[in-house]
Amino acid sequence: MNDGRRDQRADAVIDWTVRDNSVTLTVTGDIDLSNADLLQSVITEATAEVPLAGPILVDLTGVRLMDSTGIGALVNGWQAAKDLGVRVRVAVRPGSLVERVLQIVGVYDDLVGR
C-alpha cells in the first residue's frame, strides 16, 4: 500500500491516504499540461490498490486551477477505474473554479454526483 506517499510535479502535489479498503488522493495546486498525466497515472495506480468494492476519493478541494488536460486526465482515470469496477468519487470546493469548469464541460454529475 502507498499510505503516506506523496507524488509531486510542477505545481501539483498528490498525497495518498489508505484506510479501510479505500484510497483518498488529496490533490493541491494546479493541474495542467505540465502534470495532468501524473493525476491520471496516480488514479490508475490507486485502482490497483483497492479491492473491487473499495472506493477512491479524489479530493480536489485544494486545486486552484484545472485546464482541459487536467479534466481529460481526471475523466480518463475515472473511466478506467469504473471499467474495472472501482468506484471513484471526486470532491470539489463549492463555488470554486474547478467546480464550475466540471459543470460547464458536463462531467460534474458523473464525477461529483451530488
C-alpha atoms as a PDB file:
ATOM      1  CA  MET A   1       0.000   0.000   0.000  1.00  0.00           C
ATOM      2  CA  ASN A   2       1.051   3.579  -0.600  1.00  0.00           C
ATOM      3  CA  ASP A   3      -0.254   5.145   2.618  1.00  0.00           C
ATOM      4  CA  GLY A   4       1.621   8.328   3.327  1.00  0.00           C
ATOM      5  CA  ARG A   5       3.035   8.532  -0.172  1.00  0.00           C
ATOM      6  CA  ARG A   6       3.399  11.894  -1.880  1.00  0.00           C
ATOM      7  CA  ASP A   7       3.646  12.426  -5.639  1.00  0.00           C
ATOM      8  CA  GLN A   8       4.657  15.837  -6.893  1.00  0.00           C
ATOM      9  CA  ARG A   9       5.288  17.520 -10.220  1.00  0.00           C
ATOM     10  CA  ALA A  10       5.334  21.185 -11.215  1.00  0.00           C
ATOM     11  CA  ASP A  11       2.596  22.956  -9.238  1.00  0.00           C
ATOM     12  CA  ALA A  12       0.684  19.835  -8.140  1.00  0.00           C
ATOM     13  CA  VAL A  13       1.021  17.632  -5.073  1.00  0.00           C
ATOM     14  CA  ILE A  14      -0.930  14.399  -4.596  1.00  0.00           C
ATOM     15  CA  ASP A  15      -0.967  12.846  -1.116  1.00  0.00           C
ATOM     16  CA  TRP A  16      -2.180   9.278  -0.601  1.00  0.00           C
ATOM     17  CA  THR A  17      -4.155   8.015   2.385  1.00  0.00           C
ATOM     18  CA  VAL A  18      -5.199   4.354   2.510  1.00  0.00           C
ATOM     19  CA  ARG A  19      -7.769   3.416   5.123  1.00  0.00           C
ATOM     20  CA  ASP A  20     -10.418   0.691   5.455  1.00  0.00           C
ATOM     21  CA  ASN A  21     -10.086  -0.595   1.881  1.00  0.00           C
ATOM     22  CA  SER A  22     -10.358   2.883   0.388  1.00  0.00           C
ATOM     23  CA  VAL A  23      -7.866   5.347  -1.021  1.00  0.00           C
ATOM     24  CA  THR A  24      -8.010   9.128  -0.730  1.00  0.00           C
ATOM     25  CA  LEU A  25      -5.922  11.142  -3.150  1.00  0.00           C
ATOM     26  CA  THR A  26      -5.648  14.706  -1.884  1.00  0.00           C
ATOM     27  CA  VAL A  27      -4.607  16.989  -4.719  1.00  0.00           C
ATOM     28  CA  THR A  28      -3.342  20.537  -4.215  1.00  0.00           C
ATOM     29  CA  GLY A  29      -2.025  23.180  -6.590  1.00  0.00           C
ATOM     30  CA  ASP A  30      -2.711  23.470 -10.314  1.00  0.00           C
ATOM     31  CA  ILE A  31      -3.499  20.600 -12.698  1.00  0.00           C
ATOM     32  CA  ASP A  32      -2.453  21.470 -16.230  1.00  0.00           C
ATOM     33  CA  LEU A  33      -0.424  20.252 -19.180  1.00  0.00           C
ATOM     34  CA  SER A  34       2.726  20.034 -17.044  1.00  0.00           C
ATOM     35  CA  ASN A  35       1.320  17.430 -14.642  1.00  0.00           C
ATOM     36  CA  ALA A  36      -2.070  16.109 -15.800  1.00  0.00           C
ATOM     37  CA  ASP A  37      -0.531  12.763 -16.732  1.00  0.00           C
ATOM     38  CA  LEU A  38       0.590  12.391 -13.116  1.00  0.00           C
ATOM     39  CA  LEU A  39      -3.030  12.726 -11.917  1.00  0.00           C
ATOM     40  CA  GLN A  40      -4.230  10.062 -14.353  1.00  0.00           C
ATOM     41  CA  SER A  41      -1.400   7.659 -13.512  1.00  0.00           C
ATOM     42  CA  VAL A  42      -1.956   8.053  -9.758  1.00  0.00           C
ATOM     43  CA  ILE A  43      -5.691   7.325 -10.150  1.00  0.00           C
ATOM     44  CA  THR A  44      -4.818   4.265 -12.232  1.00  0.00           C
ATOM     45  CA  GLU A  45      -2.267   3.103  -9.672  1.00  0.00           C
ATOM     46  CA  ALA A  46      -4.733   3.652  -6.814  1.00  0.00           C
ATOM     47  CA  THR A  47      -7.250   1.498  -8.693  1.00  0.00           C
ATOM     48  CA  ALA A  48      -4.844  -1.426  -8.315  1.00  0.00           C
ATOM     49  CA  GLU A  49      -4.535  -0.718  -4.568  1.00  0.00           C
ATOM     50  CA  VAL A  50      -8.190  -1.139  -3.600  1.00  0.00           C
ATOM     51  CA  PRO A  51     -10.430  -4.194  -3.649  1.00  0.00           C
ATOM     52  CA  LEU A  52     -13.249  -4.094  -6.177  1.00  0.00           C
ATOM     53  CA  ALA A  53     -15.682  -2.799  -3.556  1.00  0.00           C
ATOM     54  CA  GLY A  54     -13.346  -0.113  -2.241  1.00  0.00           C
ATOM     55  CA  PRO A  55     -13.799   3.473  -3.398  1.00  0.00           C
ATOM     56  CA  ILE A  56     -11.220   6.034  -4.401  1.00  0.00           C
ATOM     57  CA  LEU A  57     -11.817   9.627  -3.355  1.00  0.00           C
ATOM     58  CA  VAL A  58     -10.039  12.257  -5.439  1.00  0.00           C
ATOM     59  CA  ASP A  59     -10.102  15.362  -3.247  1.00  0.00           C
ATOM     60  CA  LEU A  60      -9.715  18.432  -5.443  1.00  0.00           C
ATOM     61  CA  THR A  61     -10.717  20.963  -2.786  1.00  0.00           C
ATOM     62  CA  GLY A  62      -7.144  22.255  -2.734  1.00  0.00           C
ATOM     63  CA  VAL A  63      -6.853  22.668  -6.505  1.00  0.00           C
ATOM     64  CA  ARG A  64      -6.771  26.273  -7.702  1.00  0.00           C
ATOM     65  CA  LEU A  65      -6.816  25.642 -11.446  1.00  0.00           C
ATOM     66  CA  MET A  66      -7.593  22.735 -13.746  1.00  0.00           C
ATOM     67  CA  ASP A  67      -7.219  23.101 -17.502  1.00  0.00           C
ATOM     68  CA  SER A  68      -8.594  20.844 -20.241  1.00  0.00           C
ATOM     69  CA  THR A  69      -5.691  18.395 -19.958  1.00  0.00           C
ATOM     70  CA  GLY A  70      -6.401  18.070 -16.224  1.00  0.00           C
ATOM     71  CA  ILE A  71     -10.074  17.431 -16.888  1.00  0.00           C
ATOM     72  CA  GLY A  72      -9.178  14.845 -19.520  1.00  0.00           C
ATOM     73  CA  ALA A  73      -6.801  13.083 -17.128  1.00  0.00           C
ATOM     74  CA  LEU A  74      -9.423  13.068 -14.375  1.00  0.00           C
ATOM     75  CA  VAL A  75     -12.130  11.696 -16.666  1.00  0.00           C
ATOM     76  CA  ASN A  76      -9.785   9.075 -18.177  1.00  0.00           C
ATOM     77  CA  GLY A  77      -8.686   7.904 -14.719  1.00  0.00           C
ATOM     78  CA  TRP A  78     -12.314   7.796 -13.536  1.00  0.00           C
ATOM     79  CA  GLN A  79     -13.393   5.803 -16.603  1.00  0.00           C
ATOM     80  CA  ALA A  80     -10.510   3.320 -16.344  1.00  0.00           C
ATOM     81  CA  ALA A  81     -11.359   2.650 -12.693  1.00  0.00           C
ATOM     82  CA  LYS A  82     -15.061   2.360 -13.482  1.00  0.00           C
ATOM     83  CA  ASP A  83     -14.299  -0.169 -16.230  1.00  0.00           C
ATOM     84  CA  LEU A  84     -12.570  -2.299 -13.573  1.00  0.00           C
ATOM     85  CA  GLY A  85     -15.480  -1.994 -11.138  1.00  0.00           C
ATOM     86  CA  VAL A  86     -13.774   0.502  -8.809  1.00  0.00           C
ATOM     87  CA  ARG A  87     -15.807   3.489  -7.682  1.00  0.00           C
ATOM     88  CA  VAL A  88     -14.180   6.906  -7.928  1.00  0.00           C
ATOM     89  CA  ARG A  89     -15.712   9.946  -6.283  1.00  0.00           C
ATOM     90  CA  VAL A  90     -14.430  13.477  -6.723  1.00  0.00           C
ATOM     91  CA  ALA A  91     -14.711  16.213  -4.108  1.00  0.00           C
ATOM     92  CA  VAL A  92     -14.522  19.882  -5.076  1.00  0.00           C
ATOM     93  CA  ARG A  93     -14.781  23.066  -3.060  1.00  0.00           C
ATOM     94  CA  PRO A  94     -18.275  24.565  -3.527  1.00  0.00           C
ATOM     95  CA  GLY A  95     -18.140  27.715  -5.598  1.00  0.00           C
ATOM     96  CA  SER A  96     -14.601  27.015  -6.830  1.00  0.00           C
ATOM     97  CA  LEU A  97     -13.297  27.435 -10.353  1.00  0.00           C
ATOM     98  CA  VAL A  98     -12.785  23.658 -10.541  1.00  0.00           C
ATOM     99  CA  GLU A  99     -16.434  23.021  -9.643  1.00  0.00           C
ATOM    100  CA  ARG A 100     -17.595  25.476 -12.289  1.00  0.00           C
ATOM    101  CA  VAL A 101     -15.346  24.042 -15.008  1.00  0.00           C
ATOM    102  CA  LEU A 102     -16.567  20.489 -14.312  1.00  0.00           C
ATOM    103  CA  GLN A 103     -20.153  21.759 -14.559  1.00  0.00           C
ATOM    104  CA  ILE A 104     -19.511  23.627 -17.812  1.00  0.00           C
ATOM    105  CA  VAL A 105     -17.922  20.649 -19.569  1.00  0.00           C
ATOM    106  CA  GLY A 106     -20.740  18.365 -18.382  1.00  0.00           C
ATOM    107  CA  VAL A 107     -18.872  15.876 -16.199  1.00  0.00           C
ATOM    108  CA  TYR A 108     -19.781  17.251 -12.773  1.00  0.00           C
ATOM    109  CA  ASP A 109     -22.738  14.924 -12.160  1.00  0.00           C
ATOM    110  CA  ASP A 110     -20.751  11.813 -13.143  1.00  0.00           C
ATOM    111  CA  LEU A 111     -17.663  12.688 -11.129  1.00  0.00           C
ATOM    112  CA  VAL A 112     -19.046  14.505  -8.108  1.00  0.00           C
ATOM    113  CA  GLY A 113     -22.630  13.240  -8.226  1.00  0.00           C
ATOM    114  CA  ARG A 114     -24.284  15.460  -5.663  1.00  0.00           C
END
